[in-house]
């Protein structure tokens, strides 16, 4: 279940809540009990990196098909040797 970040517009209390994606957003602030909570947008706490991901994920510069780069070089060397 994801963590959602909330802030109260009345008292500026900020907290995180563990909720299902299908749950309704919280409304009442646990600190002041006002119905002025706002769900905040925050960055994810993880990043997918490493071999095996799609070539468009987190690419930089001329790097393409990082997972297949070793295979194409070895097959090219075999064809050059033949």
C-alpha atoms as a PDB file:
ATOM      1  CA  UNK A   1       0.000   0.000   0.000  1.00  0.00           C
ATOM      2  CA  UNK A   2       1.328   3.454  -0.853  1.00  0.00           C
ATOM      3  CA  UNK A   3       2.056   6.272   1.560  1.00  0.00           C
ATOM      4  CA  UNK A   4       0.207   9.525   0.954  1.00  0.00           C
ATOM      5  CA  UNK A   5       1.307  12.872   2.325  1.00  0.00           C
ATOM      6  CA  UNK A   6      -1.278  15.315   3.695  1.00  0.00           C
ATOM      7  CA  UNK A   7      -1.138  18.895   4.974  1.00  0.00           C
ATOM      8  CA  UNK A   8      -3.798  20.800   6.892  1.00  0.00           C
ATOM      9  CA  UNK A   9      -4.582  24.268   5.532  1.00  0.00           C
ATOM     10  CA  UNK A  10      -5.782  25.438   8.973  1.00  0.00           C
ATOM     11  CA  UNK A  11      -2.868  24.467  11.246  1.00  0.00           C
ATOM     12  CA  UNK A  12      -0.240  23.419   8.608  1.00  0.00           C
ATOM     13  CA  UNK A  13       0.176  20.004  10.269  1.00  0.00           C
ATOM     14  CA  UNK A  14       1.906  17.618   7.811  1.00  0.00           C
ATOM     15  CA  UNK A  15       1.769  13.831   8.050  1.00  0.00           C
ATOM     16  CA  UNK A  16       1.830  10.627   6.010  1.00  0.00           C
ATOM     17  CA  UNK A  17      -0.956   8.057   5.837  1.00  0.00           C
ATOM     18  CA  UNK A  18      -0.758   4.458   4.634  1.00  0.00           C
ATOM     19  CA  UNK A  19      -3.821   3.936   2.433  1.00  0.00           C
ATOM     20  CA  UNK A  20      -5.069   1.726  -0.361  1.00  0.00           C
ATOM     21  CA  UNK A  21      -5.249   3.385  -3.760  1.00  0.00           C
ATOM     22  CA  UNK A  22      -9.016   2.846  -3.746  1.00  0.00           C
ATOM     23  CA  UNK A  23      -9.515   4.579  -0.344  1.00  0.00           C
ATOM     24  CA  UNK A  24     -11.128   8.003  -0.215  1.00  0.00           C
ATOM     25  CA  UNK A  25      -8.752  10.883   0.640  1.00  0.00           C
ATOM     26  CA  UNK A  26      -8.647  11.919   4.290  1.00  0.00           C
ATOM     27  CA  UNK A  27     -10.558  15.087   5.183  1.00  0.00           C
ATOM     28  CA  UNK A  28     -10.186  15.732   8.925  1.00  0.00           C
ATOM     29  CA  UNK A  29      -6.867  16.821  10.430  1.00  0.00           C
ATOM     30  CA  UNK A  30      -5.777  14.638  13.387  1.00  0.00           C
ATOM     31  CA  UNK A  31      -4.157  17.653  15.100  1.00  0.00           C
ATOM     32  CA  UNK A  32      -6.919  20.304  14.958  1.00  0.00           C
ATOM     33  CA  UNK A  33      -9.932  18.220  13.741  1.00  0.00           C
ATOM     34  CA  UNK A  34     -10.726  20.745  10.976  1.00  0.00           C
ATOM     35  CA  UNK A  35     -11.927  19.457   7.586  1.00  0.00           C
ATOM     36  CA  UNK A  36      -9.146  21.228   5.673  1.00  0.00           C
ATOM     37  CA  UNK A  37      -6.716  18.443   4.706  1.00  0.00           C
ATOM     38  CA  UNK A  38      -5.077  18.527   1.307  1.00  0.00           C
ATOM     39  CA  UNK A  39      -3.333  15.560  -0.325  1.00  0.00           C
ATOM     40  CA  UNK A  40       0.149  16.560  -1.456  1.00  0.00           C
ATOM     41  CA  UNK A  41       1.974  15.365  -4.554  1.00  0.00           C
ATOM     42  CA  UNK A  42       5.374  13.959  -3.710  1.00  0.00           C
ATOM     43  CA  UNK A  43       8.079  11.978  -5.486  1.00  0.00           C
ATOM     44  CA  UNK A  44       8.229   8.212  -5.313  1.00  0.00           C
ATOM     45  CA  UNK A  45      10.649   6.751  -2.820  1.00  0.00           C
ATOM     46  CA  UNK A  46      12.334   4.405  -5.284  1.00  0.00           C
ATOM     47  CA  UNK A  47      13.812   4.354  -8.765  1.00  0.00           C
ATOM     48  CA  UNK A  48      14.054   1.371 -11.094  1.00  0.00           C
ATOM     49  CA  UNK A  49      17.645   0.981 -12.304  1.00  0.00           C
ATOM     50  CA  UNK A  50      19.814  -1.781 -13.682  1.00  0.00           C
ATOM     51  CA  UNK A  51      19.797  -4.344 -16.466  1.00  0.00           C
ATOM     52  CA  UNK A  52      16.531  -5.710 -17.735  1.00  0.00           C
ATOM     53  CA  UNK A  53      14.494  -2.500 -17.962  1.00  0.00           C
ATOM     54  CA  UNK A  54      13.202  -0.976 -21.166  1.00  0.00           C
ATOM     55  CA  UNK A  55      15.674   1.009 -23.254  1.00  0.00           C
ATOM     56  CA  UNK A  56      13.670   4.220 -22.817  1.00  0.00           C
ATOM     57  CA  UNK A  57      13.806   4.064 -19.010  1.00  0.00           C
ATOM     58  CA  UNK A  58      16.321   6.519 -17.550  1.00  0.00           C
ATOM     59  CA  UNK A  59      18.487   6.654 -20.652  1.00  0.00           C
ATOM     60  CA  UNK A  60      21.062   9.397 -20.981  1.00  0.00           C
ATOM     61  CA  UNK A  61      23.143  10.423 -23.954  1.00  0.00           C
ATOM     62  CA  UNK A  62      23.650   7.811 -26.669  1.00  0.00           C
ATOM     63  CA  UNK A  63      23.064   4.815 -24.387  1.00  0.00           C
ATOM     64  CA  UNK A  64      20.448   2.528 -25.937  1.00  0.00           C
ATOM     65  CA  UNK A  65      19.629  -1.126 -25.291  1.00  0.00           C
ATOM     66  CA  UNK A  66      21.982  -1.401 -22.342  1.00  0.00           C
ATOM     67  CA  UNK A  67      20.941  -4.988 -21.638  1.00  0.00           C
ATOM     68  CA  UNK A  68      21.618  -6.056 -25.252  1.00  0.00           C
ATOM     69  CA  UNK A  69      24.871  -4.110 -25.742  1.00  0.00           C
ATOM     70  CA  UNK A  70      27.095  -7.004 -24.592  1.00  0.00           C
ATOM     71  CA  UNK A  71      25.299  -9.482 -26.830  1.00  0.00           C
ATOM     72  CA  UNK A  72      25.628  -7.399 -29.988  1.00  0.00           C
ATOM     73  CA  UNK A  73      29.355  -6.792 -29.409  1.00  0.00           C
ATOM     74  CA  UNK A  74      30.072 -10.499 -28.859  1.00  0.00           C
ATOM     75  CA  UNK A  75      28.074 -11.525 -31.934  1.00  0.00           C
ATOM     76  CA  UNK A  76      29.914  -8.898 -34.007  1.00  0.00           C
ATOM     77  CA  UNK A  77      33.284 -10.264 -32.810  1.00  0.00           C
ATOM     78  CA  UNK A  78      32.207 -13.801 -33.795  1.00  0.00           C
ATOM     79  CA  UNK A  79      31.247 -12.657 -37.281  1.00  0.00           C
ATOM     80  CA  UNK A  80      34.542 -10.768 -37.656  1.00  0.00           C
ATOM     81  CA  UNK A  81      36.494 -13.875 -36.609  1.00  0.00           C
ATOM     82  CA  UNK A  82      34.699 -16.083 -39.129  1.00  0.00           C
END
